[in-house]
C-alpha atoms as a PDB file:
ATOM      1  CA  MET A   1     -93.655  66.501  93.476  1.00  0.00           C
ATOM      2  CA  TYR A   2     -95.713  63.377  93.864  1.00  0.00           C
ATOM      3  CA  MET A   3     -94.636  62.843  97.509  1.00  0.00           C
ATOM      4  CA  TYR A   4     -97.041  65.611  98.822  1.00  0.00           C
ATOM      5  CA  MET A   5    -100.087  63.413  97.786  1.00  0.00           C
ATOM      6  CA  TYR A   6     -99.534  61.036 100.619  1.00  0.00           C
ATOM      7  CA  VAL A   7    -101.250  61.554 103.852  1.00  0.00           C
ATOM      8  CA  ILE A   8     -98.835  62.159 106.833  1.00  0.00           C
ATOM      9  CA  PRO A   9    -100.384  61.973 110.187  1.00  0.00           C
ATOM     10  CA  THR A  10     -99.289  65.551 111.811  1.00  0.00           C
ATOM     11  CA  HIS A  11    -101.158  65.132 115.097  1.00  0.00           C
ATOM     12  CA  THR A  12     -98.488  62.576 116.582  1.00  0.00           C
ATOM     13  CA  HIS A  13     -95.264  63.702 114.789  1.00  0.00           C
ATOM     14  CA  THR A  14     -92.962  66.721 115.148  1.00  0.00           C
ATOM     15  CA  HIS A  15     -91.654  68.650 112.137  1.00  0.00           C
ATOM     16  CA  THR A  16     -88.666  66.450 112.063  1.00  0.00           C
ATOM     17  CA  HIS A  17     -90.625  63.337 111.854  1.00  0.00           C
ATOM     18  CA  ILE A  18     -92.810  64.771 108.964  1.00  0.00           C
ATOM     19  CA  MET A  19     -89.501  65.775 107.232  1.00  0.00           C
ATOM     20  CA  LEU A  20     -88.335  62.202 107.397  1.00  0.00           C
ATOM     21  CA  TYR A  21     -91.613  60.786 106.060  1.00  0.00           C
ATOM     22  CA  MET A  22     -91.187  63.199 103.124  1.00  0.00           C
ATOM     23  CA  TYR A  23     -87.624  62.262 102.198  1.00  0.00           C
ATOM     24  CA  MET A  24     -88.807  58.613 102.689  1.00  0.00           C
ATOM     25  CA  TYR A  25     -91.630  59.109 100.091  1.00  0.00           C
ATOM     26  CA  MET A  26     -89.149  60.996  97.843  1.00  0.00           C
ATOM     27  CA  TYR A  27     -86.689  58.096  97.997  1.00  0.00           C
ATOM     28  CA  ILE A  28     -89.369  55.387  97.248  1.00  0.00           C
ATOM     29  CA  TYR A  29     -90.509  57.531  94.324  1.00  0.00           C
ATOM     30  CA  ILE A  30     -87.076  57.738  92.820  1.00  0.00           C
ATOM     31  CA  TYR A  31     -86.416  54.201  93.606  1.00  0.00           C
ATOM     32  CA  ILE A  32     -89.319  52.782  91.577  1.00  0.00           C
ATOM     33  CA  HIS A  33     -88.551  55.088  88.576  1.00  0.00           C
ATOM     34  CA  VAL A  34     -84.887  53.702  88.641  1.00  0.00           C
ATOM     35  CA  CYS A  35     -86.199  50.316  88.318  1.00  0.00           C
ATOM     36  CA  ILE A  36     -88.397  51.279  85.456  1.00  0.00           C
ATOM     37  CA  TYR A  37     -85.387  52.882  83.682  1.00  0.00           C
ATOM     38  CA  ILE A  38     -83.158  49.858  84.358  1.00  0.00           C
ATOM     39  CA  VAL A  39     -85.926  47.776  82.531  1.00  0.00           C
ATOM     40  CA  ALA A  40     -86.311  50.104  79.845  1.00  0.00           C
ATOM     41  CA  VAL A  41     -82.652  50.606  79.090  1.00  0.00           C
ATOM     42  CA  CYS A  42     -82.079  46.873  79.120  1.00  0.00           C
ATOM     43  CA  ASP A  43     -84.962  46.393  76.744  1.00  0.00           C
ATOM     44  CA  VAL A  44     -83.559  48.980  74.267  1.00  0.00           C
ATOM     45  CA  LEU A  45     -80.224  47.334  74.465  1.00  0.00           C
ATOM     46  CA  GLN A  46     -81.747  43.939  74.128  1.00  0.00           C
ATOM     47  CA  ALA A  47     -80.016  42.476  77.272  1.00  0.00           C
ATOM     48  CA  PRO A  48     -80.722  39.009  78.213  1.00  0.00           C
ATOM     49  CA  ALA A  49     -83.307  38.533  81.087  1.00  0.00           C
ATOM     50  CA  ALA A  50     -80.663  37.454  83.465  1.00  0.00           C
ATOM     51  CA  SER A  51     -78.802  40.752  83.166  1.00  0.00           C
ATOM     52  CA  ILE A  52     -81.976  42.657  83.982  1.00  0.00           C
ATOM     53  CA  THR A  53     -82.663  40.424  87.032  1.00  0.00           C
ATOM     54  CA  ALA A  54     -79.015  40.860  88.187  1.00  0.00           C
ATOM     55  CA  GLY A  55     -79.116  44.642  87.743  1.00  0.00           C
ATOM     56  CA  ILE A  56     -82.406  44.972  89.811  1.00  0.00           C
ATOM     57  CA  ALA A  57     -81.201  42.672  92.462  1.00  0.00           C
ATOM     58  CA  ALA A  58     -77.982  44.696  92.746  1.00  0.00           C
ATOM     59  CA  ASP A  59     -80.127  47.849  92.815  1.00  0.00           C
ATOM     60  CA  ASN A  60     -82.372  46.490  95.770  1.00  0.00           C
ATOM     61  CA  LEU A  61     -79.261  45.411  97.691  1.00  0.00           C
ATOM     62  CA  VAL A  62     -77.720  48.962  97.479  1.00  0.00           C
ATOM     63  CA  VAL A  63     -81.140  50.531  98.326  1.00  0.00           C
ATOM     64  CA  ALA A  64     -81.462  48.277 101.191  1.00  0.00           C
ATOM     65  CA  ILE A  65     -77.924  49.056 102.707  1.00  0.00           C
ATOM     66  CA  PHE A  66     -78.755  52.681 102.335  1.00  0.00           C
ATOM     67  CA  PHE A  67     -82.134  52.656 104.060  1.00  0.00           C
ATOM     68  CA  ILE A  68     -80.678  50.455 106.951  1.00  0.00           C
ATOM     69  CA  THR A  69     -77.836  52.911 107.377  1.00  0.00           C
ATOM     70  CA  LEU A  70     -80.237  55.797 107.275  1.00  0.00           C
ATOM     71  CA  PHE A  71     -82.568  54.417 110.001  1.00  0.00           C
ATOM     72  CA  ALA A  72     -79.512  53.515 112.053  1.00  0.00           C
ATOM     73  CA  ILE A  73     -78.418  57.165 111.821  1.00  0.00           C
ATOM     74  CA  ALA A  74     -81.805  58.417 112.815  1.00  0.00           C
ATOM     75  CA  ASN A  75     -82.136  56.004 115.667  1.00  0.00           C
ATOM     76  CA  GLN A  76     -78.594  56.831 117.157  1.00  0.00           C
ATOM     77  CA  VAL A  77     -79.560  60.700 116.873  1.00  0.00           C
ATOM     78  CA  GLY A  78     -82.754  59.843 118.650  1.00  0.00           C
ATOM     79  CA  LEU A  79     -85.485  60.586 116.012  1.00  0.00           C
ATOM     80  CA  PHE A  80     -86.896  57.041 116.212  1.00  0.00           C
END
């Protein structure tokens, strides 16, 4: 996948940290493409601009909650 093209500093991180970076890049990659798909589907369905904005805002909220939860779990486990 495209996530391997990013440079991950390996000299200061353990294998677990490297895997977390890889998952983070993967989720960011998927998130960007989902936003593109939302706009494309709304364009095909000729949805009003307010619907596109509301859909992307709702998606941003869900992803923000997901990342906050993910980092809170990683912090509680002791990875950060």
